[in-house]
Structures are given as C-alpha cells and as structure tokens.
Amino acid sequence: MKALTFSSFGDSNVLEYIEIPNPKLKSDEILVEMKAIGLNFADVYRRKGNYHLKGNPPFIAGYEGAGIVVDANNHSEYKIGDRIAFADVPFANAELVAVNINHVLPLPEALSFETAASILLQGLTAHYLATDSHKTAKGETVLIHAVAGGVGQFLTQISKLLGATVIGLTSSAEKAKVALEQGADHVFLYQEDWKSDLFKTISKGVDVVYDSIGSTLTDSFEVTKECGQVVFFGMAGGDPAPVDPRMLMDTSKTLTGGDLWSYLNSKEERIKRATQLFDWIIEGKITLSTPTSFKLSEGKLAHDYLESRKSTGKIILIP
C-alpha cells in the first residue's frame, strides 16, 4: 500500500509518499480501506517532533478518517463493505488502516466519507470543550481564538446551540466573514486593538476563552472576567508564557487544559459523542464548510496550506 510518511522531523520537505507493507492485523482489529482522511495541526506537530507519535520510521501520522471494511478479521459485528469512521486511530495517512474494534464509529448513510473525515477530531474537540472543559450555560459570553478554523467553526455553532453569545478572533476580513456566517455575534481581528473592542462590547469581560494559539494566553486572561475561565487546548502560535498562580488567586480565574484523548476513553463514550455530533449535522443544527481536498500523494502541499493559515475549515486527504 501507499502511505504518507516521514523518517526524520522537520518541515514539510521530510514528507514522503512511498510504498510500505500492508498492516498486519491483531486479533482485535479490522482492516479499513480509507476513502478520506482528516489533516490536523497535531499532524504538523508530529512531523516536527513536538507531539506524541506511535510506531517507528517511516512514521505515519494521522488519526482521523473514514472508509470501508475490507477484512472483518472474524468479528461477526462487521462485514466487508461496512461504512465506518474513526477519530483516534494512528497511522491514518495510508491507503489501508488497521482499526481497533473499540475505536470503530458506524457511519450513517446520510453522511459522506468526506464529511466524516472533516468533522470527527475537530467536532469532537469542540464538543468536549463546550460540554466538559467548560459547561456552557445559556446567557454566557464565550471568546473563541482562531474562530474561522475547523474547531472554531464547530465551537461557534455548538456554543450557540447551548445559548451562548460568541465573540471570535481571527486574522483577516475574509475569515471574519466566515465566522459570522457560522453564527458568531462579533468578530475582531488580531492585528487591531481587539481587547479594547471586546471591552466596549462586554465591559466585564467574557465568561470563558477558548485558546488554541498558546502565545495569546496572557491576552486571554486579560479579557476574562473575574471568576471566569480560560481553556487552553492548542499551541498553533507557539508556547504560552508561564501563568502566575497569584494572578489566578487574586482574580478567581481558572486555567483548564484540554485534550480530546482524555475524553475518548471507551467505545461507548466514542460512539455516544460521535452520535450526537452526527445527529446535529444530519438535523441541520450544525452546518459545514466544504473541506479543502488534496490527494494523499500531495501531502506536502496540504501541510504547507495548513501552516500558511490561509485555510478556513477542514483540510482532507484523499487516497
């Protein structure tokens, strides 16, 4: 089979699309022919050597995708041709993936492979952020960094579903338009005096900030109201500055870390969360931007596009 691999850490030039042996199935795995694969910033971190990574060189990144079963491996609950998806299975950037049966998500006929590969990691991330890291309540005001990105778009719509007012931050007027179309109530630009603009909108500050940038963490605390919360779940802009515990004590503010893997901790939990996400989409309560597609063989171009920050919404890879 062909796979998008890397054998050393670095920029996108380390990526290689090469022939490697097919996966050898363990007793608790089925074999899936991939139809669409999600690309995420975590894969960039893995390529750079900054994030957990399984296996040995040549490494295969990717944890999210959708496809059809081609070998049920004597598991009677599956048959060849079944449509499935997954959010947390390693080595996804390949034509064939061995999927642990506890990580299989049955894919409804109403959702395409491309949609499934576009929604799971980012959609499930937004789901736990809004329902676990911070339990969003009706009438709250939330601030979302990178609001036009994949997680940002989902988080905007889920926060609105839960009754919150959404303020977004992004880097261009074009991305601001995308965020407003997704339901954001106000969108400010990073290059402008966004903190002053925010306080003109809500003088006491916001109830919660979702910060996936990292380098903006100090700013996030500045615009959080007393007794408010900052949820830190990414470092797209670099490492955050250290947080002074005295500041947290003096302002009664809370810093919470967030990582999806902490919440996808059982087969039942995976299916429950994914089913709610699928239902919201099928019912039209969440709408999706059309993903940007690259061939799996064009993985370098896809990584470059993701890192350019020109993208809005999801990037997927098609084997």
C-alpha atoms as a PDB file:
ATOM      1  CA  MET A   1       0.000   0.000   0.000  1.00  0.00           C
ATOM      2  CA  LYS A   2       0.979   3.652  -0.344  1.00  0.00           C
ATOM      3  CA  ALA A   3       1.303   5.942   2.681  1.00  0.00           C
ATOM      4  CA  LEU A   4       2.361   9.490   3.513  1.00  0.00           C
ATOM      5  CA  THR A   5       5.411   9.064   5.752  1.00  0.00           C
ATOM      6  CA  PHE A   6       8.406  10.794   7.294  1.00  0.00           C
ATOM      7  CA  SER A   7      11.611   9.335   8.703  1.00  0.00           C
ATOM      8  CA  SER A   8      13.027  12.479  10.306  1.00  0.00           C
ATOM      9  CA  PHE A   9      11.484  15.533  11.930  1.00  0.00           C
ATOM     10  CA  GLY A  10      11.299  18.898  10.226  1.00  0.00           C
ATOM     11  CA  ASP A  11       9.365  21.000   7.731  1.00  0.00           C
ATOM     12  CA  SER A  12       7.087  19.577   5.063  1.00  0.00           C
ATOM     13  CA  ASN A  13      10.069  18.544   2.950  1.00  0.00           C
ATOM     14  CA  VAL A  14      10.571  15.493   5.194  1.00  0.00           C
ATOM     15  CA  LEU A  15       7.264  14.020   3.964  1.00  0.00           C
ATOM     16  CA  GLU A  16       7.487  11.093   1.553  1.00  0.00           C
ATOM     17  CA  TYR A  17       4.703   9.254  -0.281  1.00  0.00           C
ATOM     18  CA  ILE A  18       6.039   5.701  -0.512  1.00  0.00           C
ATOM     19  CA  GLU A  19       5.091   2.042  -0.793  1.00  0.00           C
ATOM     20  CA  ILE A  20       5.112   0.181   2.531  1.00  0.00           C
ATOM     21  CA  PRO A  21       3.786  -3.228   3.670  1.00  0.00           C
ATOM     22  CA  ASN A  22       0.096  -3.608   4.416  1.00  0.00           C
ATOM     23  CA  PRO A  23      -0.825  -3.559   8.134  1.00  0.00           C
ATOM     24  CA  LYS A  24      -0.726  -6.889   9.961  1.00  0.00           C
ATOM     25  CA  LEU A  25      -3.986  -7.229  11.856  1.00  0.00           C
ATOM     26  CA  LYS A  26      -4.079  -8.029  15.565  1.00  0.00           C
ATOM     27  CA  SER A  27      -6.962 -10.098  16.884  1.00  0.00           C
ATOM     28  CA  ASP A  28      -8.906  -7.011  17.989  1.00  0.00           C
ATOM     29  CA  GLU A  29      -8.555  -5.113  14.691  1.00  0.00           C
ATOM     30  CA  ILE A  30     -10.322  -4.860  11.352  1.00  0.00           C
ATOM     31  CA  LEU A  31      -8.824  -3.609   8.096  1.00  0.00           C
ATOM     32  CA  VAL A  32     -10.257  -0.462   6.555  1.00  0.00           C
ATOM     33  CA  GLU A  33      -9.713   0.894   3.045  1.00  0.00           C
ATOM     34  CA  MET A  34      -9.518   4.651   3.515  1.00  0.00           C
ATOM     35  CA  LYS A  35     -11.764   6.931   1.471  1.00  0.00           C
ATOM     36  CA  ALA A  36     -10.967  10.238   3.208  1.00  0.00           C
ATOM     37  CA  ILE A  37      -8.504  11.296   5.916  1.00  0.00           C
ATOM     38  CA  GLY A  38      -8.553  14.379   8.106  1.00  0.00           C
ATOM     39  CA  LEU A  39      -5.475  16.607   8.362  1.00  0.00           C
ATOM     40  CA  ASN A  40      -4.946  18.425  11.664  1.00  0.00           C
ATOM     41  CA  PHE A  41      -2.387  20.681  13.308  1.00  0.00           C
ATOM     42  CA  ALA A  42      -1.482  17.749  15.536  1.00  0.00           C
ATOM     43  CA  ASP A  43      -0.070  16.074  12.424  1.00  0.00           C
ATOM     44  CA  VAL A  44       2.150  19.106  11.850  1.00  0.00           C
ATOM     45  CA  TYR A  45       3.310  18.879  15.475  1.00  0.00           C
ATOM     46  CA  ARG A  46       4.046  15.179  14.953  1.00  0.00           C
ATOM     47  CA  ARG A  47       6.018  15.890  11.793  1.00  0.00           C
ATOM     48  CA  LYS A  48       8.081  18.431  13.726  1.00  0.00           C
ATOM     49  CA  GLY A  49       8.647  16.026  16.625  1.00  0.00           C
ATOM     50  CA  ASN A  50       6.562  18.045  19.092  1.00  0.00           C
ATOM     51  CA  TYR A  51       3.623  15.683  19.711  1.00  0.00           C
ATOM     52  CA  HIS A  52       3.010  12.057  20.662  1.00  0.00           C
ATOM     53  CA  LEU A  53       3.686   9.713  17.778  1.00  0.00           C
ATOM     54  CA  LYS A  54       3.379   5.936  17.512  1.00  0.00           C
ATOM     55  CA  GLY A  55       5.494   3.493  15.557  1.00  0.00           C
ATOM     56  CA  ASN A  56       8.971   3.601  14.096  1.00  0.00           C
ATOM     57  CA  PRO A  57      10.387   5.238  10.946  1.00  0.00           C
ATOM     58  CA  PRO A  58       8.999   5.606   8.394  1.00  0.00           C
ATOM     59  CA  PHE A  59       6.440   7.304  10.643  1.00  0.00           C
ATOM     60  CA  ILE A  60       2.815   7.629   9.524  1.00  0.00           C
ATOM     61  CA  ALA A  61       0.818  10.492  11.017  1.00  0.00           C
ATOM     62  CA  GLY A  62      -2.941  10.930  11.038  1.00  0.00           C
ATOM     63  CA  TYR A  63      -5.600   9.768  13.481  1.00  0.00           C
ATOM     64  CA  GLU A  64      -8.892  10.563  11.749  1.00  0.00           C
ATOM     65  CA  GLY A  65     -10.701   9.253   8.721  1.00  0.00           C
ATOM     66  CA  ALA A  66     -13.416   7.183   7.116  1.00  0.00           C
ATOM     67  CA  GLY A  67     -13.626   4.231   4.786  1.00  0.00           C
ATOM     68  CA  ILE A  68     -14.983   0.745   4.217  1.00  0.00           C
ATOM     69  CA  VAL A  69     -14.191  -2.551   5.898  1.00  0.00           C
ATOM     70  CA  VAL A  70     -12.162  -4.856   3.638  1.00  0.00           C
ATOM     71  CA  ASP A  71     -11.271  -7.505   6.251  1.00  0.00           C
ATOM     72  CA  ALA A  72     -13.560  -8.090   9.252  1.00  0.00           C
ATOM     73  CA  ASN A  73     -10.959 -10.436  10.791  1.00  0.00           C
ATOM     74  CA  ASN A  74     -13.612 -12.822  12.187  1.00  0.00           C
ATOM     75  CA  HIS A  75     -15.500 -10.077  14.033  1.00  0.00           C
ATOM     76  CA  SER A  76     -19.126 -11.000  13.402  1.00  0.00           C
ATOM     77  CA  GLU A  77     -20.450  -7.468  14.073  1.00  0.00           C
ATOM     78  CA  TYR A  78     -18.682  -6.215  10.937  1.00  0.00           C
ATOM     79  CA  LYS A  79     -18.798  -7.287   7.309  1.00  0.00           C
ATOM     80  CA  ILE A  80     -16.897  -6.351   4.175  1.00  0.00           C
ATOM     81  CA  GLY A  81     -18.264  -3.095   2.776  1.00  0.00           C
ATOM     82  CA  ASP A  82     -19.426  -1.626   6.091  1.00  0.00           C
ATOM     83  CA  ARG A  83     -19.014   2.163   6.248  1.00  0.00           C
ATOM     84  CA  ILE A  84     -17.048   3.237   9.310  1.00  0.00           C
ATOM     85  CA  ALA A  85     -15.151   6.223  10.643  1.00  0.00           C
ATOM     86  CA  PHE A  86     -12.699   6.822  13.473  1.00  0.00           C
ATOM     87  CA  ALA A  87     -11.265   9.734  15.396  1.00  0.00           C
ATOM     88  CA  ASP A  88      -8.390   8.226  17.336  1.00  0.00           C
ATOM     89  CA  VAL A  89      -6.614   5.514  15.368  1.00  0.00           C
ATOM     90  CA  PRO A  90      -2.932   6.003  14.463  1.00  0.00           C
ATOM     91  CA  PHE A  91      -1.327   5.611  11.031  1.00  0.00           C
ATOM     92  CA  ALA A  92      -4.351   7.042   9.194  1.00  0.00           C
ATOM     93  CA  ASN A  93      -2.340   8.665   6.372  1.00  0.00           C
ATOM     94  CA  ALA A  94      -2.357   5.462   4.357  1.00  0.00           C
ATOM     95  CA  GLU A  95      -4.467   3.528   1.879  1.00  0.00           C
ATOM     96  CA  LEU A  96      -5.172   0.807   4.463  1.00  0.00           C
ATOM     97  CA  VAL A  97      -5.506   1.191   8.243  1.00  0.00           C
ATOM     98  CA  ALA A  98      -5.819  -1.398  10.997  1.00  0.00           C
ATOM     99  CA  VAL A  99      -8.634  -0.133  13.243  1.00  0.00           C
ATOM    100  CA  ASN A 100      -9.170  -1.414  16.787  1.00  0.00           C
ATOM    101  CA  ILE A 101     -12.803  -2.524  17.108  1.00  0.00           C
ATOM    102  CA  ASN A 102     -13.238  -0.354  20.212  1.00  0.00           C
ATOM    103  CA  HIS A 103     -12.472   2.723  18.097  1.00  0.00           C
ATOM    104  CA  VAL A 104     -14.871   1.976  15.230  1.00  0.00           C
ATOM    105  CA  LEU A 105     -17.649   4.516  14.697  1.00  0.00           C
ATOM    106  CA  PRO A 106     -20.506   3.277  12.479  1.00  0.00           C
ATOM    107  CA  LEU A 107     -21.015   5.872   9.748  1.00  0.00           C
ATOM    108  CA  PRO A 108     -24.636   6.749   8.883  1.00  0.00           C
ATOM    109  CA  GLU A 109     -25.577   6.572   5.211  1.00  0.00           C
ATOM    110  CA  ALA A 110     -26.632  10.234   5.428  1.00  0.00           C
ATOM    111  CA  LEU A 111     -23.005  11.319   5.907  1.00  0.00           C
ATOM    112  CA  SER A 112     -20.314  11.046   3.241  1.00  0.00           C
ATOM    113  CA  PHE A 113     -16.799   9.768   3.862  1.00  0.00           C
ATOM    114  CA  GLU A 114     -15.520  13.288   3.176  1.00  0.00           C
ATOM    115  CA  THR A 115     -17.878  14.764   5.766  1.00  0.00           C
ATOM    116  CA  ALA A 116     -16.881  12.178   8.372  1.00  0.00           C
ATOM    117  CA  ALA A 117     -13.178  12.877   7.816  1.00  0.00           C
ATOM    118  CA  SER A 118     -13.944  16.597   8.135  1.00  0.00           C
ATOM    119  CA  ILE A 119     -15.802  16.544  11.425  1.00  0.00           C
ATOM    120  CA  LEU A 120     -14.610  13.995  13.918  1.00  0.00           C
ATOM    121  CA  LEU A 121     -11.473  15.324  15.566  1.00  0.00           C
ATOM    122  CA  GLN A 122     -12.464  18.968  15.297  1.00  0.00           C
ATOM    123  CA  GLY A 123     -16.138  18.376  16.018  1.00  0.00           C
ATOM    124  CA  LEU A 124     -15.498  16.096  18.985  1.00  0.00           C
ATOM    125  CA  THR A 125     -12.895  18.571  20.263  1.00  0.00           C
ATOM    126  CA  ALA A 126     -15.443  21.388  20.134  1.00  0.00           C
ATOM    127  CA  HIS A 127     -17.989  19.092  21.785  1.00  0.00           C
ATOM    128  CA  TYR A 128     -15.851  18.347  24.857  1.00  0.00           C
ATOM    129  CA  LEU A 129     -14.656  21.957  25.094  1.00  0.00           C
ATOM    130  CA  ALA A 130     -18.213  23.271  25.309  1.00  0.00           C
ATOM    131  CA  THR A 131     -19.684  20.476  27.428  1.00  0.00           C
ATOM    132  CA  ASP A 132     -16.832  19.227  29.622  1.00  0.00           C
ATOM    133  CA  SER A 133     -13.871  21.623  29.841  1.00  0.00           C
ATOM    134  CA  HIS A 134     -16.412  24.405  30.308  1.00  0.00           C
ATOM    135  CA  LYS A 135     -20.071  23.590  30.728  1.00  0.00           C
ATOM    136  CA  THR A 136     -21.527  26.312  28.554  1.00  0.00           C
ATOM    137  CA  ALA A 137     -24.680  27.821  30.007  1.00  0.00           C
ATOM    138  CA  LYS A 138     -27.394  29.885  28.377  1.00  0.00           C
ATOM    139  CA  GLY A 139     -26.611  33.604  28.543  1.00  0.00           C
ATOM    140  CA  GLU A 140     -22.837  33.252  28.820  1.00  0.00           C
ATOM    141  CA  THR A 141     -20.369  35.015  26.534  1.00  0.00           C
ATOM    142  CA  VAL A 142     -17.520  32.965  25.072  1.00  0.00           C
ATOM    143  CA  LEU A 143     -14.409  34.101  23.208  1.00  0.00           C
ATOM    144  CA  ILE A 144     -13.002  31.771  20.575  1.00  0.00           C
ATOM    145  CA  HIS A 145      -9.498  32.185  19.171  1.00  0.00           C
ATOM    146  CA  ALA A 146      -8.982  31.157  15.532  1.00  0.00           C
ATOM    147  CA  VAL A 147     -12.742  31.293  15.177  1.00  0.00           C
ATOM    148  CA  ALA A 148     -12.731  30.597  11.422  1.00  0.00           C
ATOM    149  CA  GLY A 149     -10.712  27.408  11.755  1.00  0.00           C
ATOM    150  CA  GLY A 150     -12.215  23.944  11.904  1.00  0.00           C
ATOM    151  CA  VAL A 151     -12.584  23.707  15.681  1.00  0.00           C
ATOM    152  CA  GLY A 152     -13.563  27.369  15.856  1.00  0.00           C
ATOM    153  CA  GLN A 153     -16.454  26.906  13.447  1.00  0.00           C
ATOM    154  CA  PHE A 154     -17.785  23.886  15.318  1.00  0.00           C
ATOM    155  CA  LEU A 155     -17.284  25.549  18.687  1.00  0.00           C
ATOM    156  CA  THR A 156     -19.166  28.627  17.487  1.00  0.00           C
ATOM    157  CA  GLN A 157     -22.158  26.604  16.397  1.00  0.00           C
ATOM    158  CA  ILE A 158     -22.220  24.347  19.461  1.00  0.00           C
ATOM    159  CA  SER A 159     -21.889  27.360  21.797  1.00  0.00           C
ATOM    160  CA  LYS A 160     -24.823  28.997  20.022  1.00  0.00           C
ATOM    161  CA  LEU A 161     -26.839  25.780  20.318  1.00  0.00           C
ATOM    162  CA  LEU A 162     -26.203  25.896  24.068  1.00  0.00           C
ATOM    163  CA  GLY A 163     -27.393  29.505  24.299  1.00  0.00           C
ATOM    164  CA  ALA A 164     -24.148  31.479  24.475  1.00  0.00           C
ATOM    165  CA  THR A 165     -23.098  34.724  22.817  1.00  0.00           C
ATOM    166  CA  VAL A 166     -19.976  34.137  20.705  1.00  0.00           C
ATOM    167  CA  ILE A 167     -17.115  36.574  20.154  1.00  0.00           C
ATOM    168  CA  GLY A 168     -14.474  35.426  17.688  1.00  0.00           C
ATOM    169  CA  LEU A 169     -10.896  36.356  16.894  1.00  0.00           C
ATOM    170  CA  THR A 170      -9.292  35.843  13.517  1.00  0.00           C
ATOM    171  CA  SER A 171      -6.655  37.272  11.190  1.00  0.00           C
ATOM    172  CA  SER A 172      -8.497  38.671   8.159  1.00  0.00           C
ATOM    173  CA  ALA A 173     -11.752  40.194   6.993  1.00  0.00           C
ATOM    174  CA  GLU A 174     -12.357  37.144   4.810  1.00  0.00           C
ATOM    175  CA  LYS A 175     -12.086  34.830   7.812  1.00  0.00           C
ATOM    176  CA  ALA A 176     -14.241  37.181   9.881  1.00  0.00           C
ATOM    177  CA  LYS A 177     -16.959  36.819   7.252  1.00  0.00           C
ATOM    178  CA  VAL A 178     -16.749  33.027   7.523  1.00  0.00           C
ATOM    179  CA  ALA A 179     -17.093  33.216  11.310  1.00  0.00           C
ATOM    180  CA  LEU A 180     -20.112  35.492  11.109  1.00  0.00           C
ATOM    181  CA  GLU A 181     -21.728  33.107   8.637  1.00  0.00           C
ATOM    182  CA  GLN A 182     -21.195  30.324  11.176  1.00  0.00           C
ATOM    183  CA  GLY A 183     -23.154  32.309  13.778  1.00  0.00           C
ATOM    184  CA  ALA A 184     -20.580  34.376  15.668  1.00  0.00           C
ATOM    185  CA  ASP A 185     -22.137  37.512  17.154  1.00  0.00           C
ATOM    186  CA  HIS A 186     -18.978  39.652  16.980  1.00  0.00           C
ATOM    187  CA  VAL A 187     -15.620  39.042  15.300  1.00  0.00           C
ATOM    188  CA  PHE A 188     -12.450  41.061  15.914  1.00  0.00           C
ATOM    189  CA  LEU A 189      -9.120  40.977  14.097  1.00  0.00           C
ATOM    190  CA  TYR A 190      -5.849  40.152  15.835  1.00  0.00           C
ATOM    191  CA  GLN A 191      -3.977  42.989  14.126  1.00  0.00           C
ATOM    192  CA  GLU A 192      -6.393  45.568  15.508  1.00  0.00           C
ATOM    193  CA  ASP A 193      -6.949  46.672  19.116  1.00  0.00           C
ATOM    194  CA  TRP A 194      -9.211  43.716  19.728  1.00  0.00           C
ATOM    195  CA  LYS A 195      -9.049  43.806  23.537  1.00  0.00           C
ATOM    196  CA  SER A 196     -10.366  47.366  23.624  1.00  0.00           C
ATOM    197  CA  ASP A 197     -13.047  46.430  21.100  1.00  0.00           C
ATOM    198  CA  LEU A 198     -14.051  43.468  23.227  1.00  0.00           C
ATOM    199  CA  PHE A 199     -14.412  45.527  26.424  1.00  0.00           C
ATOM    200  CA  LYS A 200     -16.589  48.010  24.510  1.00  0.00           C
ATOM    201  CA  THR A 201     -18.836  45.066  23.689  1.00  0.00           C
ATOM    202  CA  ILE A 202     -18.842  43.385  27.108  1.00  0.00           C
ATOM    203  CA  SER A 203     -17.361  45.618  29.774  1.00  0.00           C
ATOM    204  CA  LYS A 204     -16.693  43.000  32.460  1.00  0.00           C
ATOM    205  CA  GLY A 205     -15.022  40.526  30.154  1.00  0.00           C
ATOM    206  CA  VAL A 206     -16.099  37.114  28.899  1.00  0.00           C
ATOM    207  CA  ASP A 207     -17.103  34.029  30.857  1.00  0.00           C
ATOM    208  CA  VAL A 208     -14.691  31.728  29.049  1.00  0.00           C
ATOM    209  CA  VAL A 209     -11.916  31.955  26.464  1.00  0.00           C
ATOM    210  CA  TYR A 210     -11.025  29.006  24.257  1.00  0.00           C
ATOM    211  CA  ASP A 211      -7.346  29.453  23.408  1.00  0.00           C
ATOM    212  CA  SER A 212      -5.772  27.214  20.773  1.00  0.00           C
ATOM    213  CA  ILE A 213      -2.998  29.676  19.910  1.00  0.00           C
ATOM    214  CA  GLY A 214      -0.849  29.412  23.043  1.00  0.00           C
ATOM    215  CA  SER A 215       1.158  32.595  22.624  1.00  0.00           C
ATOM    216  CA  THR A 216      -2.055  34.551  23.305  1.00  0.00           C
ATOM    217  CA  LEU A 217      -2.694  33.054  26.749  1.00  0.00           C
ATOM    218  CA  THR A 218      -1.820  36.232  28.669  1.00  0.00           C
ATOM    219  CA  ASP A 219      -4.210  38.243  26.473  1.00  0.00           C
ATOM    220  CA  SER A 220      -6.897  35.636  27.066  1.00  0.00           C
ATOM    221  CA  PHE A 221      -6.687  36.120  30.830  1.00  0.00           C
ATOM    222  CA  GLU A 222      -6.820  39.892  30.439  1.00  0.00           C
ATOM    223  CA  VAL A 223     -10.246  39.725  28.777  1.00  0.00           C
ATOM    224  CA  THR A 224     -11.705  37.069  31.093  1.00  0.00           C
ATOM    225  CA  LYS A 225     -13.990  38.368  33.815  1.00  0.00           C
ATOM    226  CA  GLU A 226     -13.411  37.642  37.496  1.00  0.00           C
ATOM    227  CA  CYS A 227     -14.308  34.033  38.277  1.00  0.00           C
ATOM    228  CA  GLY A 228     -14.067  33.300  34.543  1.00  0.00           C
ATOM    229  CA  GLN A 229     -12.162  30.526  32.831  1.00  0.00           C
ATOM    230  CA  VAL A 230      -9.527  30.072  30.133  1.00  0.00           C
ATOM    231  CA  VAL A 231      -9.443  26.720  28.338  1.00  0.00           C
ATOM    232  CA  PHE A 232      -6.024  26.092  26.766  1.00  0.00           C
ATOM    233  CA  PHE A 233      -6.084  23.362  24.115  1.00  0.00           C
ATOM    234  CA  GLY A 234      -3.500  24.168  21.438  1.00  0.00           C
ATOM    235  CA  MET A 235      -0.262  25.916  20.530  1.00  0.00           C
ATOM    236  CA  ALA A 236      -0.751  26.916  16.895  1.00  0.00           C
ATOM    237  CA  GLY A 237       1.035  30.217  17.607  1.00  0.00           C
ATOM    238  CA  GLY A 238       3.771  28.921  19.885  1.00  0.00           C
ATOM    239  CA  ASP A 239       4.277  28.135  23.543  1.00  0.00           C
ATOM    240  CA  PRO A 240       2.359  30.202  26.111  1.00  0.00           C
ATOM    241  CA  ALA A 241       4.035  32.412  28.685  1.00  0.00           C
ATOM    242  CA  PRO A 242       4.071  30.976  32.228  1.00  0.00           C
ATOM    243  CA  VAL A 243       0.930  31.699  34.235  1.00  0.00           C
ATOM    244  CA  ASP A 244       1.336  33.316  37.658  1.00  0.00           C
ATOM    245  CA  PRO A 245      -0.730  31.380  40.236  1.00  0.00           C
ATOM    246  CA  ARG A 246      -1.074  34.609  42.244  1.00  0.00           C
ATOM    247  CA  MET A 247      -2.973  36.137  39.350  1.00  0.00           C
ATOM    248  CA  LEU A 248      -5.342  33.182  39.372  1.00  0.00           C
ATOM    249  CA  MET A 249      -5.878  33.553  43.101  1.00  0.00           C
ATOM    250  CA  ASP A 250      -6.305  37.336  43.046  1.00  0.00           C
ATOM    251  CA  THR A 251      -8.874  37.250  40.225  1.00  0.00           C
ATOM    252  CA  SER A 252     -10.523  33.879  40.986  1.00  0.00           C
ATOM    253  CA  LYS A 253      -9.883  32.867  37.399  1.00  0.00           C
ATOM    254  CA  THR A 254      -9.374  29.285  36.304  1.00  0.00           C
ATOM    255  CA  LEU A 255      -6.975  27.763  33.772  1.00  0.00           C
ATOM    256  CA  THR A 256      -8.052  24.429  32.325  1.00  0.00           C
ATOM    257  CA  GLY A 257      -6.120  22.250  29.925  1.00  0.00           C
ATOM    258  CA  GLY A 258      -7.920  20.328  27.238  1.00  0.00           C
ATOM    259  CA  ASP A 259      -7.009  17.247  25.213  1.00  0.00           C
ATOM    260  CA  LEU A 260      -9.503  15.108  23.304  1.00  0.00           C
ATOM    261  CA  TRP A 261      -7.776  11.836  24.172  1.00  0.00           C
ATOM    262  CA  SER A 262      -8.797  12.285  27.816  1.00  0.00           C
ATOM    263  CA  TYR A 263     -12.462  12.081  26.782  1.00  0.00           C
ATOM    264  CA  LEU A 264     -12.387   9.363  24.118  1.00  0.00           C
ATOM    265  CA  ASN A 265     -11.713   6.735  26.767  1.00  0.00           C
ATOM    266  CA  SER A 266     -14.138   3.929  25.901  1.00  0.00           C
ATOM    267  CA  LYS A 267     -16.044   2.503  22.947  1.00  0.00           C
ATOM    268  CA  GLU A 268     -19.309   3.685  24.475  1.00  0.00           C
ATOM    269  CA  GLU A 269     -18.006   7.218  25.044  1.00  0.00           C
ATOM    270  CA  ARG A 270     -16.698   7.481  21.493  1.00  0.00           C
ATOM    271  CA  ILE A 271     -19.963   6.333  19.957  1.00  0.00           C
ATOM    272  CA  LYS A 272     -22.106   8.494  22.263  1.00  0.00           C
ATOM    273  CA  ARG A 273     -20.192  11.678  21.460  1.00  0.00           C
ATOM    274  CA  ALA A 274     -19.904  10.939  17.739  1.00  0.00           C
ATOM    275  CA  THR A 275     -23.606  10.061  17.509  1.00  0.00           C
ATOM    276  CA  GLN A 276     -24.598  13.408  18.998  1.00  0.00           C
ATOM    277  CA  LEU A 277     -22.323  15.175  16.533  1.00  0.00           C
ATOM    278  CA  PHE A 278     -23.682  13.142  13.600  1.00  0.00           C
ATOM    279  CA  ASP A 279     -27.266  13.864  14.677  1.00  0.00           C
ATOM    280  CA  TRP A 280     -26.655  17.616  14.924  1.00  0.00           C
ATOM    281  CA  ILE A 281     -25.282  17.595  11.373  1.00  0.00           C
ATOM    282  CA  ILE A 282     -27.986  15.361   9.888  1.00  0.00           C
ATOM    283  CA  GLU A 283     -30.671  17.510  11.568  1.00  0.00           C
ATOM    284  CA  GLY A 284     -29.122  20.685  10.169  1.00  0.00           C
ATOM    285  CA  LYS A 285     -28.320  22.138  13.603  1.00  0.00           C
ATOM    286  CA  ILE A 286     -24.659  22.316  12.578  1.00  0.00           C
ATOM    287  CA  THR A 287     -23.659  23.247   9.047  1.00  0.00           C
ATOM    288  CA  LEU A 288     -20.277  22.581   7.479  1.00  0.00           C
ATOM    289  CA  SER A 289     -17.985  24.492   5.196  1.00  0.00           C
ATOM    290  CA  THR A 290     -16.844  22.499   2.176  1.00  0.00           C
ATOM    291  CA  PRO A 291     -13.471  20.950   3.053  1.00  0.00           C
ATOM    292  CA  THR A 292     -10.357  21.607   1.007  1.00  0.00           C
ATOM    293  CA  SER A 293      -9.211  18.328  -0.558  1.00  0.00           C
ATOM    294  CA  PHE A 294      -5.738  17.194  -1.525  1.00  0.00           C
ATOM    295  CA  LYS A 295      -4.641  13.815  -2.820  1.00  0.00           C
ATOM    296  CA  LEU A 296      -2.771  11.820  -0.194  1.00  0.00           C
ATOM    297  CA  SER A 297       0.205  11.928  -2.554  1.00  0.00           C
ATOM    298  CA  GLU A 298       0.057  15.748  -2.273  1.00  0.00           C
ATOM    299  CA  GLY A 299       0.563  15.657   1.483  1.00  0.00           C
ATOM    300  CA  LYS A 300       3.373  18.214   1.393  1.00  0.00           C
ATOM    301  CA  LEU A 301       1.120  20.760  -0.316  1.00  0.00           C
ATOM    302  CA  ALA A 302      -1.622  20.059   2.215  1.00  0.00           C
ATOM    303  CA  HIS A 303       0.741  20.598   5.170  1.00  0.00           C
ATOM    304  CA  ASP A 304       2.036  23.821   3.632  1.00  0.00           C
ATOM    305  CA  TYR A 305      -1.502  25.082   3.096  1.00  0.00           C
ATOM    306  CA  LEU A 306      -2.499  24.277   6.679  1.00  0.00           C
ATOM    307  CA  GLU A 307       0.570  26.055   8.067  1.00  0.00           C
ATOM    308  CA  SER A 308       0.020  29.089   5.816  1.00  0.00           C
ATOM    309  CA  ARG A 309      -3.084  29.996   7.895  1.00  0.00           C
ATOM    310  CA  LYS A 310      -4.907  30.745   4.641  1.00  0.00           C
ATOM    311  CA  SER A 311      -7.343  27.903   5.154  1.00  0.00           C
ATOM    312  CA  THR A 312     -10.781  28.145   6.710  1.00  0.00           C
ATOM    313  CA  GLY A 313     -12.407  24.968   7.832  1.00  0.00           C
ATOM    314  CA  LYS A 314     -11.094  21.484   7.212  1.00  0.00           C
ATOM    315  CA  ILE A 315      -8.385  20.027   5.000  1.00  0.00           C
ATOM    316  CA  ILE A 316      -8.776  16.390   3.979  1.00  0.00           C
ATOM    317  CA  LEU A 317      -6.556  13.912   2.167  1.00  0.00           C
ATOM    318  CA  ILE A 318      -7.981  11.507  -0.429  1.00  0.00           C
ATOM    319  CA  PRO A 319      -6.052   8.256  -1.077  1.00  0.00           C
END
